[in-house]
């Protein structure tokens, strides 16, 4: 399974419906007849955090939501948005919405395609500018990750090393190792990211 994200460091955000995300995750979990503890263990998160996510009481990082979706065998795009499922999914630029769950997450996401049945999930993640970015904790996920800097520059933290990446630079790495990228400045950057499940 391949999951694709486009990361955009910039501005412009709209509040996401955490209750909506929580309801969909809870419904999917119940349909698979898994307990909160079972899903939490599979995702390496606490049962308390999963409970808060299901109840719409907290926002969660994309990596955490991705792990939960993988454990429940559902696409991230379906959790983040509720659009009718059709064989042809089209979305005009003017209809896309930038959403954010919590400024403390350090970014928000904008879905470019919305299909429950697609294994490819193109997304724009808006990372807050340097002066506003408060995310410092690296994260992990099960997929390999490829990134390509489209505009601007970022700092990539990977396995306790720091790399400055600028327009045109690429990297491919194992997602199970701790990693994080943050904006270098307040000018913004775009990073094409593709997650590849082995």
N, C-alpha and C. Protein backbone atom coordinates (compact mmCIF):
# COMPACT_ATOMS: atom_id res chain seq x y z
N UNK A 1 0.86 -1.20 0.00
CA UNK A 1 0.00 0.00 0.00
C UNK A 1 0.88 1.24 0.00
N UNK A 2 0.55 2.23 -0.81
CA UNK A 2 1.32 3.46 -0.89
C UNK A 2 0.45 4.63 -0.48
N UNK A 3 0.95 5.44 0.44
CA UNK A 3 0.24 6.61 0.89
C UNK A 3 1.06 7.83 0.56
N UNK A 4 0.47 8.83 -0.08
CA UNK A 4 1.23 9.99 -0.52
C UNK A 4 0.74 11.24 0.19
N UNK A 5 1.69 12.03 0.67
CA UNK A 5 1.39 13.30 1.30
C UNK A 5 2.22 14.39 0.64
N UNK A 6 1.67 15.57 0.54
CA UNK A 6 2.45 16.75 0.16
C UNK A 6 2.49 17.66 1.38
N UNK A 7 3.68 17.97 1.88
CA UNK A 7 3.81 18.82 3.04
C UNK A 7 4.03 20.25 2.57
N UNK A 8 3.27 21.17 3.11
CA UNK A 8 3.41 22.59 2.76
C UNK A 8 3.59 23.38 4.04
N UNK A 9 4.70 24.06 4.14
CA UNK A 9 4.92 24.91 5.29
C UNK A 9 4.36 26.28 4.96
N UNK A 10 3.38 26.71 5.71
CA UNK A 10 2.76 27.99 5.38
C UNK A 10 1.65 28.35 6.34
N UNK A 11 0.72 29.17 5.87
CA UNK A 11 -0.33 29.71 6.73
C UNK A 11 -1.70 29.36 6.17
N UNK A 12 -2.75 29.70 6.92
CA UNK A 12 -4.10 29.49 6.44
C UNK A 12 -4.67 28.20 6.98
N UNK A 13 -5.53 28.28 8.00
CA UNK A 13 -6.01 27.09 8.66
C UNK A 13 -7.47 27.20 9.03
N UNK A 14 -8.09 26.06 9.15
CA UNK A 14 -9.49 26.00 9.53
C UNK A 14 -9.65 24.84 10.50
N UNK A 15 -10.48 24.99 11.51
CA UNK A 15 -10.61 23.96 12.54
C UNK A 15 -11.24 22.69 11.98
N UNK A 16 -10.62 21.56 12.32
CA UNK A 16 -11.13 20.27 11.90
C UNK A 16 -12.11 19.75 12.96
N UNK A 17 -13.03 18.90 12.55
CA UNK A 17 -14.02 18.35 13.47
C UNK A 17 -13.46 17.10 14.13
N UNK A 18 -12.95 17.25 15.36
CA UNK A 18 -12.35 16.13 16.07
C UNK A 18 -13.38 15.06 16.41
N UNK A 19 -14.62 15.49 16.67
CA UNK A 19 -15.69 14.54 16.96
C UNK A 19 -15.92 13.62 15.77
N UNK A 20 -15.87 14.21 14.59
CA UNK A 20 -16.08 13.46 13.35
C UNK A 20 -15.02 12.37 13.18
N UNK A 21 -13.76 12.75 13.40
CA UNK A 21 -12.67 11.78 13.31
C UNK A 21 -12.86 10.67 14.33
N UNK A 22 -13.16 11.07 15.56
CA UNK A 22 -13.32 10.09 16.63
C UNK A 22 -14.43 9.09 16.37
N UNK A 23 -15.56 9.57 15.86
CA UNK A 23 -16.69 8.70 15.57
C UNK A 23 -16.32 7.66 14.51
N UNK A 24 -15.63 8.09 13.47
CA UNK A 24 -15.27 7.17 12.39
C UNK A 24 -14.28 6.11 12.87
N UNK A 25 -13.32 6.54 13.69
CA UNK A 25 -12.35 5.58 14.22
C UNK A 25 -13.05 4.58 15.14
N UNK A 26 -13.92 5.07 15.98
CA UNK A 26 -14.64 4.18 16.90
C UNK A 26 -15.52 3.19 16.14
N UNK A 27 -16.23 3.68 15.12
CA UNK A 27 -17.07 2.80 14.32
C UNK A 27 -16.25 1.72 13.63
N UNK A 28 -15.11 2.11 13.07
CA UNK A 28 -14.25 1.15 12.38
C UNK A 28 -13.70 0.12 13.36
N UNK A 29 -13.33 0.57 14.56
CA UNK A 29 -12.79 -0.34 15.57
C UNK A 29 -13.85 -1.35 16.00
N UNK A 30 -15.05 -0.86 16.23
CA UNK A 30 -16.13 -1.75 16.65
C UNK A 30 -16.49 -2.75 15.57
N UNK A 31 -16.41 -2.32 14.31
CA UNK A 31 -16.72 -3.23 13.20
C UNK A 31 -15.70 -4.36 13.11
N UNK A 32 -14.46 -4.08 13.51
CA UNK A 32 -13.43 -5.13 13.50
C UNK A 32 -13.43 -5.92 14.80
N UNK A 33 -14.32 -5.54 15.74
CA UNK A 33 -14.47 -6.24 17.02
C UNK A 33 -13.17 -6.24 17.82
N UNK A 34 -12.47 -5.11 17.76
CA UNK A 34 -11.25 -4.95 18.55
C UNK A 34 -11.52 -4.03 19.73
N UNK A 35 -10.86 -4.28 20.83
CA UNK A 35 -10.97 -3.41 21.99
C UNK A 35 -10.04 -2.22 21.82
N UNK A 36 -10.26 -1.18 22.60
CA UNK A 36 -9.36 -0.04 22.55
C UNK A 36 -7.93 -0.46 22.91
N UNK A 37 -7.81 -1.36 23.87
CA UNK A 37 -6.48 -1.81 24.28
C UNK A 37 -5.77 -2.55 23.16
N UNK A 38 -6.50 -3.37 22.42
CA UNK A 38 -5.89 -4.12 21.32
C UNK A 38 -5.37 -3.18 20.24
N UNK A 39 -6.19 -2.19 19.87
CA UNK A 39 -5.77 -1.24 18.84
C UNK A 39 -4.61 -0.38 19.34
N UNK A 40 -4.71 0.06 20.58
CA UNK A 40 -3.64 0.89 21.16
C UNK A 40 -2.32 0.13 21.17
N UNK A 41 -2.36 -1.15 21.54
CA UNK A 41 -1.15 -1.96 21.58
C UNK A 41 -0.54 -2.10 20.18
N UNK A 42 -1.39 -2.28 19.18
CA UNK A 42 -0.90 -2.44 17.81
C UNK A 42 -0.27 -1.14 17.30
N UNK A 43 -0.73 -0.02 17.83
CA UNK A 43 -0.24 1.29 17.37
C UNK A 43 0.86 1.85 18.27
N UNK A 44 1.17 1.13 19.35
CA UNK A 44 2.19 1.59 20.31
C UNK A 44 1.82 2.94 20.92
N UNK A 45 0.53 3.08 21.22
CA UNK A 45 0.06 4.28 21.92
C UNK A 45 -0.70 3.82 23.16
N UNK A 46 -1.04 4.74 24.03
CA UNK A 46 -1.77 4.37 25.23
C UNK A 46 -3.26 4.23 24.94
N UNK A 47 -3.92 3.40 25.72
CA UNK A 47 -5.36 3.24 25.60
C UNK A 47 -6.05 4.57 25.89
N UNK A 48 -5.49 5.32 26.82
CA UNK A 48 -6.05 6.63 27.19
C UNK A 48 -6.05 7.58 26.00
N UNK A 49 -4.93 7.60 25.24
CA UNK A 49 -4.87 8.48 24.07
C UNK A 49 -5.89 8.07 23.03
N UNK A 50 -6.01 6.77 22.76
CA UNK A 50 -6.99 6.30 21.78
C UNK A 50 -8.40 6.66 22.22
N UNK A 51 -8.68 6.51 23.49
CA UNK A 51 -10.01 6.86 24.01
C UNK A 51 -10.31 8.35 23.80
N UNK A 52 -9.31 9.20 24.04
CA UNK A 52 -9.50 10.64 23.85
C UNK A 52 -9.73 10.97 22.38
N UNK A 53 -9.01 10.26 21.49
CA UNK A 53 -9.19 10.49 20.05
C UNK A 53 -10.59 10.08 19.64
N UNK A 54 -11.04 8.91 20.10
CA UNK A 54 -12.38 8.42 19.75
C UNK A 54 -13.47 9.34 20.28
N UNK A 55 -13.22 9.97 21.41
CA UNK A 55 -14.22 10.86 22.00
C UNK A 55 -14.08 12.30 21.54
N UNK A 56 -13.16 12.54 20.59
CA UNK A 56 -12.99 13.89 20.07
C UNK A 56 -12.43 14.87 21.06
N UNK A 57 -11.64 14.36 22.02
CA UNK A 57 -11.12 15.23 23.07
C UNK A 57 -9.70 15.71 22.80
N UNK A 58 -9.06 15.16 21.78
CA UNK A 58 -7.69 15.59 21.49
C UNK A 58 -7.38 15.41 20.01
N UNK A 59 -6.48 16.24 19.51
CA UNK A 59 -5.99 16.09 18.14
C UNK A 59 -4.85 15.09 18.15
N UNK A 60 -4.52 14.57 16.99
CA UNK A 60 -3.47 13.57 16.90
C UNK A 60 -2.60 13.83 15.68
N UNK A 61 -1.33 13.49 15.79
CA UNK A 61 -0.41 13.65 14.66
C UNK A 61 -0.81 12.73 13.52
N UNK A 62 -0.46 13.14 12.30
CA UNK A 62 -0.76 12.32 11.13
C UNK A 62 -0.20 10.92 11.28
N UNK A 63 1.03 10.83 11.82
CA UNK A 63 1.65 9.51 11.96
C UNK A 63 0.83 8.61 12.88
N UNK A 64 0.29 9.19 13.96
CA UNK A 64 -0.52 8.40 14.89
C UNK A 64 -1.82 7.97 14.24
N UNK A 65 -2.49 8.90 13.54
CA UNK A 65 -3.72 8.55 12.84
C UNK A 65 -3.46 7.49 11.79
N UNK A 66 -2.30 7.59 11.12
CA UNK A 66 -1.95 6.61 10.10
C UNK A 66 -1.81 5.22 10.69
N UNK A 67 -1.20 5.14 11.88
CA UNK A 67 -1.04 3.85 12.55
C UNK A 67 -2.40 3.27 12.94
N UNK A 68 -3.27 4.12 13.45
CA UNK A 68 -4.61 3.66 13.84
C UNK A 68 -5.37 3.15 12.63
N UNK A 69 -5.29 3.91 11.53
CA UNK A 69 -5.98 3.51 10.30
C UNK A 69 -5.44 2.19 9.78
N UNK A 70 -4.14 2.00 9.89
CA UNK A 70 -3.54 0.75 9.44
C UNK A 70 -4.04 -0.41 10.29
N UNK A 71 -4.12 -0.19 11.60
CA UNK A 71 -4.59 -1.25 12.50
C UNK A 71 -6.04 -1.62 12.22
N UNK A 72 -6.81 -0.64 11.74
CA UNK A 72 -8.23 -0.86 11.46
C UNK A 72 -8.50 -1.17 9.99
N UNK A 73 -7.42 -1.15 9.18
CA UNK A 73 -7.52 -1.43 7.74
C UNK A 73 -8.46 -0.46 7.04
N UNK A 74 -8.28 0.83 7.33
CA UNK A 74 -9.07 1.88 6.69
C UNK A 74 -8.11 2.98 6.24
N UNK A 75 -8.40 3.68 5.15
CA UNK A 75 -7.51 4.75 4.68
C UNK A 75 -7.65 6.01 5.52
N UNK A 76 -6.54 6.71 5.67
CA UNK A 76 -6.53 7.95 6.43
C UNK A 76 -7.48 8.97 5.84
N UNK A 77 -7.55 9.04 4.51
CA UNK A 77 -8.40 10.04 3.85
C UNK A 77 -9.87 9.85 4.22
N UNK A 78 -10.29 8.60 4.42
CA UNK A 78 -11.69 8.35 4.78
C UNK A 78 -11.98 8.84 6.19
N UNK A 79 -11.00 8.73 7.07
CA UNK A 79 -11.18 9.18 8.45
C UNK A 79 -11.25 10.70 8.51
N UNK A 80 -10.41 11.36 7.71
CA UNK A 80 -10.33 12.82 7.78
C UNK A 80 -11.44 13.54 7.04
N UNK A 81 -12.13 12.83 6.14
CA UNK A 81 -13.17 13.51 5.38
C UNK A 81 -14.33 12.57 5.09
N UNK A 82 -15.50 13.12 4.94
CA UNK A 82 -16.70 12.31 4.72
C UNK A 82 -17.33 12.71 3.39
N UNK A 83 -16.80 12.18 2.30
CA UNK A 83 -17.32 12.45 0.97
C UNK A 83 -17.95 11.18 0.40
N UNK A 84 -18.98 11.29 -0.43
CA UNK A 84 -19.58 10.10 -1.05
C UNK A 84 -18.55 9.32 -1.84
N UNK A 85 -18.64 7.98 -1.78
CA UNK A 85 -17.71 7.14 -2.51
C UNK A 85 -18.21 6.94 -3.94
N UNK A 86 -17.38 7.28 -4.91
CA UNK A 86 -17.73 7.09 -6.31
C UNK A 86 -16.51 6.53 -7.04
N UNK A 87 -16.71 6.05 -8.26
CA UNK A 87 -15.60 5.52 -9.05
C UNK A 87 -14.69 6.65 -9.54
N UNK A 88 -15.25 7.85 -9.67
CA UNK A 88 -14.49 9.01 -10.09
C UNK A 88 -14.53 10.05 -8.97
N UNK A 89 -13.36 10.38 -8.47
CA UNK A 89 -13.29 11.37 -7.39
C UNK A 89 -12.59 12.61 -7.93
N UNK A 90 -13.33 13.71 -8.02
CA UNK A 90 -12.77 14.97 -8.49
C UNK A 90 -12.97 16.03 -7.40
N UNK A 91 -11.99 16.90 -7.29
CA UNK A 91 -12.07 17.94 -6.27
C UNK A 91 -11.44 19.20 -6.82
N UNK A 92 -12.25 20.22 -7.05
CA UNK A 92 -11.75 21.49 -7.54
C UNK A 92 -10.94 22.20 -6.46
N UNK A 93 -9.95 22.95 -6.90
CA UNK A 93 -9.09 23.66 -5.95
C UNK A 93 -9.90 24.53 -5.00
N UNK A 94 -10.91 25.20 -5.53
CA UNK A 94 -11.71 26.11 -4.71
C UNK A 94 -12.52 25.38 -3.64
N UNK A 95 -12.74 24.07 -3.83
CA UNK A 95 -13.54 23.31 -2.89
C UNK A 95 -12.73 22.68 -1.77
N UNK A 96 -11.40 22.69 -1.93
CA UNK A 96 -10.57 22.09 -0.89
C UNK A 96 -10.54 22.98 0.34
N UNK A 97 -10.48 22.36 1.49
CA UNK A 97 -10.44 23.10 2.74
C UNK A 97 -9.17 22.75 3.49
N UNK A 98 -8.53 23.77 4.06
CA UNK A 98 -7.38 23.55 4.92
C UNK A 98 -7.91 23.35 6.33
N UNK A 99 -7.49 22.30 6.98
CA UNK A 99 -8.02 21.98 8.29
C UNK A 99 -6.90 21.79 9.29
N UNK A 100 -7.21 21.99 10.54
CA UNK A 100 -6.23 21.74 11.60
C UNK A 100 -6.96 21.26 12.83
N UNK A 101 -6.35 20.33 13.55
CA UNK A 101 -6.98 19.81 14.75
C UNK A 101 -6.54 20.57 15.98
N UNK A 102 -5.28 20.98 16.02
CA UNK A 102 -4.73 21.63 17.20
C UNK A 102 -3.43 22.30 16.78
N UNK A 103 -3.26 23.59 17.08
CA UNK A 103 -2.04 24.28 16.68
C UNK A 103 -0.82 23.63 17.32
N UNK A 104 -1.01 22.95 18.45
CA UNK A 104 0.10 22.29 19.11
C UNK A 104 0.63 21.10 18.33
N UNK A 105 -0.12 20.65 17.32
CA UNK A 105 0.36 19.56 16.48
C UNK A 105 1.47 20.05 15.55
N UNK A 106 1.50 21.34 15.26
CA UNK A 106 2.54 21.89 14.41
C UNK A 106 2.20 21.87 12.94
N UNK A 107 1.05 21.36 12.56
CA UNK A 107 0.66 21.33 11.16
C UNK A 107 -0.83 21.04 11.04
N UNK A 108 -1.34 21.22 9.83
CA UNK A 108 -2.71 20.83 9.50
C UNK A 108 -2.66 20.09 8.18
N UNK A 109 -3.79 19.51 7.78
CA UNK A 109 -3.78 18.75 6.53
C UNK A 109 -4.91 19.17 5.61
N UNK A 110 -4.65 19.03 4.32
CA UNK A 110 -5.63 19.33 3.28
C UNK A 110 -5.66 18.15 2.32
N UNK A 111 -6.78 17.46 2.27
CA UNK A 111 -6.91 16.30 1.40
C UNK A 111 -7.06 16.71 -0.05
N UNK A 112 -6.33 16.05 -0.94
CA UNK A 112 -6.43 16.33 -2.37
C UNK A 112 -7.33 15.33 -3.08
N UNK A 113 -7.53 14.17 -2.50
CA UNK A 113 -8.43 13.16 -3.05
C UNK A 113 -9.04 12.42 -1.88
N UNK A 114 -10.30 12.06 -2.01
CA UNK A 114 -11.03 11.50 -0.88
C UNK A 114 -11.78 10.23 -1.29
N UNK A 115 -11.15 9.10 -1.06
CA UNK A 115 -11.79 7.84 -1.38
C UNK A 115 -11.45 6.80 -0.33
N UNK A 116 -12.46 6.15 0.17
CA UNK A 116 -12.24 5.13 1.19
C UNK A 116 -11.47 3.94 0.63
N UNK A 117 -11.60 3.71 -0.67
CA UNK A 117 -11.05 2.50 -1.25
C UNK A 117 -9.69 2.69 -1.91
N UNK A 118 -9.17 3.89 -1.88
CA UNK A 118 -7.89 4.16 -2.53
C UNK A 118 -6.74 3.89 -1.58
N UNK A 119 -5.69 3.26 -2.09
CA UNK A 119 -4.49 3.03 -1.29
C UNK A 119 -3.50 4.18 -1.45
N UNK A 120 -3.83 5.14 -2.30
CA UNK A 120 -3.01 6.33 -2.49
C UNK A 120 -3.77 7.51 -1.93
N UNK A 121 -3.16 8.20 -0.97
CA UNK A 121 -3.86 9.27 -0.28
C UNK A 121 -3.07 10.57 -0.39
N UNK A 122 -3.26 11.33 -1.46
CA UNK A 122 -2.53 12.60 -1.60
C UNK A 122 -3.06 13.65 -0.63
N UNK A 123 -2.16 14.25 0.10
CA UNK A 123 -2.53 15.21 1.13
C UNK A 123 -1.52 16.34 1.18
N UNK A 124 -1.99 17.54 1.46
CA UNK A 124 -1.09 18.64 1.76
C UNK A 124 -1.11 18.83 3.27
N UNK A 125 0.06 18.75 3.87
CA UNK A 125 0.16 19.02 5.29
C UNK A 125 0.79 20.40 5.45
N UNK A 126 0.09 21.30 6.15
CA UNK A 126 0.57 22.66 6.36
C UNK A 126 1.29 22.72 7.70
N UNK A 127 2.60 22.91 7.63
CA UNK A 127 3.40 23.01 8.85
C UNK A 127 3.49 24.46 9.26
N UNK A 128 3.31 24.73 10.54
CA UNK A 128 3.33 26.12 10.99
C UNK A 128 4.69 26.75 10.77
N UNK A 129 4.74 28.08 10.54
CA UNK A 129 6.02 28.77 10.35
C UNK A 129 6.94 28.57 11.55
N UNK A 130 8.22 28.83 11.34
CA UNK A 130 9.23 28.57 12.36
C UNK A 130 8.88 29.22 13.69
N UNK A 131 8.45 30.47 13.67
CA UNK A 131 8.17 31.19 14.92
C UNK A 131 6.97 30.62 15.66
N UNK A 132 6.12 29.86 14.97
CA UNK A 132 4.92 29.32 15.59
C UNK A 132 5.01 27.81 15.82
N UNK A 133 6.00 27.17 15.21
CA UNK A 133 6.08 25.71 15.28
C UNK A 133 6.49 25.26 16.67
N UNK A 134 5.68 24.40 17.27
CA UNK A 134 5.95 23.94 18.63
C UNK A 134 6.17 22.43 18.67
N UNK A 135 6.21 21.79 17.50
CA UNK A 135 6.39 20.35 17.47
C UNK A 135 7.88 20.02 17.50
N UNK A 136 8.30 19.24 18.49
CA UNK A 136 9.72 18.91 18.63
C UNK A 136 9.96 17.40 18.77
N UNK A 137 8.93 16.63 18.98
CA UNK A 137 9.10 15.20 19.23
C UNK A 137 9.07 14.40 17.93
N UNK A 138 10.14 13.66 17.64
CA UNK A 138 10.15 12.80 16.46
C UNK A 138 9.06 11.74 16.56
N UNK A 139 8.65 11.19 15.44
CA UNK A 139 7.63 10.14 15.43
C UNK A 139 8.08 9.01 14.52
N UNK A 140 7.37 7.92 14.55
CA UNK A 140 7.68 6.76 13.72
C UNK A 140 6.40 6.24 13.08
N UNK A 141 6.54 5.47 12.01
CA UNK A 141 5.42 4.77 11.39
C UNK A 141 5.98 3.56 10.66
N UNK A 142 5.13 2.70 10.18
CA UNK A 142 5.58 1.43 9.62
C UNK A 142 6.05 1.53 8.17
N UNK A 143 5.66 2.58 7.47
CA UNK A 143 5.99 2.70 6.05
C UNK A 143 7.39 3.27 5.82
N UNK A 144 8.01 2.91 4.70
CA UNK A 144 9.19 3.64 4.22
C UNK A 144 8.70 5.01 3.76
N UNK A 145 9.59 5.98 3.73
CA UNK A 145 9.17 7.34 3.37
C UNK A 145 10.15 7.96 2.38
N UNK A 146 9.61 8.55 1.33
CA UNK A 146 10.40 9.29 0.35
C UNK A 146 9.94 10.74 0.38
N UNK A 147 10.88 11.67 0.44
CA UNK A 147 10.51 13.08 0.42
C UNK A 147 11.30 13.81 -0.65
N UNK A 148 10.65 14.80 -1.25
CA UNK A 148 11.25 15.63 -2.31
C UNK A 148 10.86 17.08 -2.03
N UNK A 149 11.86 17.93 -1.88
CA UNK A 149 11.60 19.33 -1.55
C UNK A 149 11.19 20.08 -2.81
N UNK A 150 9.96 20.54 -2.84
CA UNK A 150 9.46 21.27 -4.00
C UNK A 150 9.78 22.76 -3.92
N UNK A 151 9.65 23.33 -2.73
CA UNK A 151 9.93 24.76 -2.52
C UNK A 151 10.47 24.96 -1.12
N UNK A 152 11.32 25.96 -0.96
CA UNK A 152 11.81 26.31 0.35
C UNK A 152 12.81 25.31 0.90
N UNK A 153 12.93 25.26 2.22
CA UNK A 153 13.87 24.35 2.87
C UNK A 153 13.32 23.90 4.22
N UNK A 154 13.81 22.75 4.67
CA UNK A 154 13.39 22.19 5.94
C UNK A 154 14.60 21.63 6.68
N UNK A 155 14.41 21.38 7.97
CA UNK A 155 15.35 20.60 8.74
C UNK A 155 14.75 19.21 8.91
N UNK A 156 15.48 18.19 8.48
CA UNK A 156 15.04 16.82 8.67
C UNK A 156 15.83 16.23 9.83
N UNK A 157 15.11 15.83 10.89
CA UNK A 157 15.73 15.14 12.01
C UNK A 157 15.48 13.66 11.82
N UNK A 158 16.56 12.88 11.71
CA UNK A 158 16.42 11.44 11.47
C UNK A 158 17.48 10.67 12.25
N UNK A 159 17.02 9.79 13.12
CA UNK A 159 17.94 8.95 13.89
C UNK A 159 19.01 9.77 14.61
N UNK A 160 18.56 10.83 15.28
CA UNK A 160 19.44 11.69 16.07
C UNK A 160 20.42 12.51 15.24
N UNK A 161 20.21 12.58 13.93
CA UNK A 161 21.03 13.43 13.06
C UNK A 161 20.14 14.51 12.46
N UNK A 162 20.73 15.65 12.12
CA UNK A 162 20.00 16.77 11.53
C UNK A 162 20.52 17.06 10.13
N UNK A 163 19.60 17.20 9.17
CA UNK A 163 19.97 17.45 7.78
C UNK A 163 19.19 18.66 7.28
N UNK A 164 19.87 19.58 6.62
CA UNK A 164 19.20 20.71 5.98
C UNK A 164 18.89 20.30 4.54
N UNK A 165 17.63 20.40 4.16
CA UNK A 165 17.21 20.01 2.82
C UNK A 165 16.59 21.21 2.10
N UNK A 166 17.01 21.44 0.87
CA UNK A 166 16.53 22.57 0.09
C UNK A 166 15.84 22.08 -1.18
N UNK A 167 15.29 23.01 -1.93
CA UNK A 167 14.56 22.69 -3.16
C UNK A 167 15.36 21.75 -4.05
N UNK A 168 14.72 20.66 -4.47
CA UNK A 168 15.36 19.69 -5.34
C UNK A 168 16.01 18.53 -4.60
N UNK A 169 16.22 18.66 -3.29
CA UNK A 169 16.82 17.58 -2.50
C UNK A 169 15.80 16.47 -2.27
N UNK A 170 16.29 15.24 -2.14
CA UNK A 170 15.42 14.10 -1.87
C UNK A 170 16.01 13.26 -0.74
N UNK A 171 15.16 12.46 -0.13
CA UNK A 171 15.60 11.51 0.89
C UNK A 171 14.65 10.32 0.90
N UNK A 172 15.20 9.17 1.19
CA UNK A 172 14.40 7.95 1.32
C UNK A 172 14.86 7.27 2.60
N UNK A 173 13.92 6.93 3.48
CA UNK A 173 14.33 6.36 4.76
C UNK A 173 13.25 5.45 5.34
N UNK A 174 13.65 4.69 6.34
CA UNK A 174 12.75 3.78 7.03
C UNK A 174 11.94 4.55 8.06
N UNK A 175 10.61 4.44 7.95
CA UNK A 175 9.75 5.19 8.85
C UNK A 175 9.77 4.70 10.28
N UNK A 176 10.30 3.49 10.52
CA UNK A 176 10.29 2.97 11.89
C UNK A 176 11.39 3.61 12.74
N UNK A 177 12.29 4.37 12.09
CA UNK A 177 13.29 5.12 12.85
C UNK A 177 12.72 6.51 13.18
N UNK A 178 13.01 7.05 14.36
CA UNK A 178 12.47 8.36 14.77
C UNK A 178 12.87 9.45 13.78
N UNK A 179 11.88 10.25 13.36
CA UNK A 179 12.17 11.32 12.41
C UNK A 179 11.16 12.45 12.55
N UNK A 180 11.53 13.58 12.01
CA UNK A 180 10.67 14.77 12.06
C UNK A 180 11.27 15.81 11.12
N UNK A 181 10.42 16.55 10.40
CA UNK A 181 10.97 17.72 9.71
C UNK A 181 10.17 18.96 10.05
N UNK A 182 10.91 20.06 10.17
CA UNK A 182 10.33 21.32 10.61
C UNK A 182 10.79 22.43 9.67
N UNK A 183 10.08 23.55 9.65
CA UNK A 183 10.48 24.66 8.78
C UNK A 183 11.78 25.29 9.24
N UNK A 184 12.57 25.75 8.28
CA UNK A 184 13.82 26.44 8.59
C UNK A 184 13.54 27.91 8.90
N UNK A 185 12.54 28.48 8.21
CA UNK A 185 12.23 29.89 8.40
C UNK A 185 10.73 30.10 8.24
N UNK A 186 10.34 31.36 8.14
CA UNK A 186 8.93 31.70 8.01
C UNK A 186 8.50 31.92 6.57
N UNK A 187 9.39 31.62 5.61
CA UNK A 187 9.07 31.82 4.20
C UNK A 187 8.21 30.69 3.64
N UNK A 188 8.26 29.54 4.28
CA UNK A 188 7.45 28.42 3.83
C UNK A 188 8.21 27.45 2.94
N UNK A 189 7.70 26.23 2.84
CA UNK A 189 8.30 25.21 1.98
C UNK A 189 7.25 24.18 1.62
N UNK A 190 7.46 23.51 0.50
CA UNK A 190 6.59 22.41 0.09
C UNK A 190 7.42 21.14 -0.03
N UNK A 191 6.93 20.08 0.57
CA UNK A 191 7.65 18.81 0.54
C UNK A 191 6.70 17.72 0.06
N UNK A 192 7.03 17.14 -1.09
CA UNK A 192 6.27 16.00 -1.59
C UNK A 192 6.73 14.77 -0.83
N UNK A 193 5.80 14.08 -0.20
CA UNK A 193 6.15 12.91 0.60
C UNK A 193 5.32 11.71 0.17
N UNK A 194 5.99 10.58 0.00
CA UNK A 194 5.30 9.34 -0.35
C UNK A 194 5.63 8.28 0.68
N UNK A 195 4.61 7.75 1.34
CA UNK A 195 4.79 6.67 2.29
C UNK A 195 4.54 5.35 1.55
N UNK A 196 5.46 4.40 1.69
CA UNK A 196 5.36 3.13 0.98
C UNK A 196 5.33 2.00 1.99
N UNK A 197 4.21 1.30 2.05
CA UNK A 197 4.08 0.17 2.97
C UNK A 197 4.69 -1.07 2.34
N UNK A 198 5.63 -1.68 3.09
CA UNK A 198 6.32 -2.88 2.58
C UNK A 198 5.50 -4.13 2.86
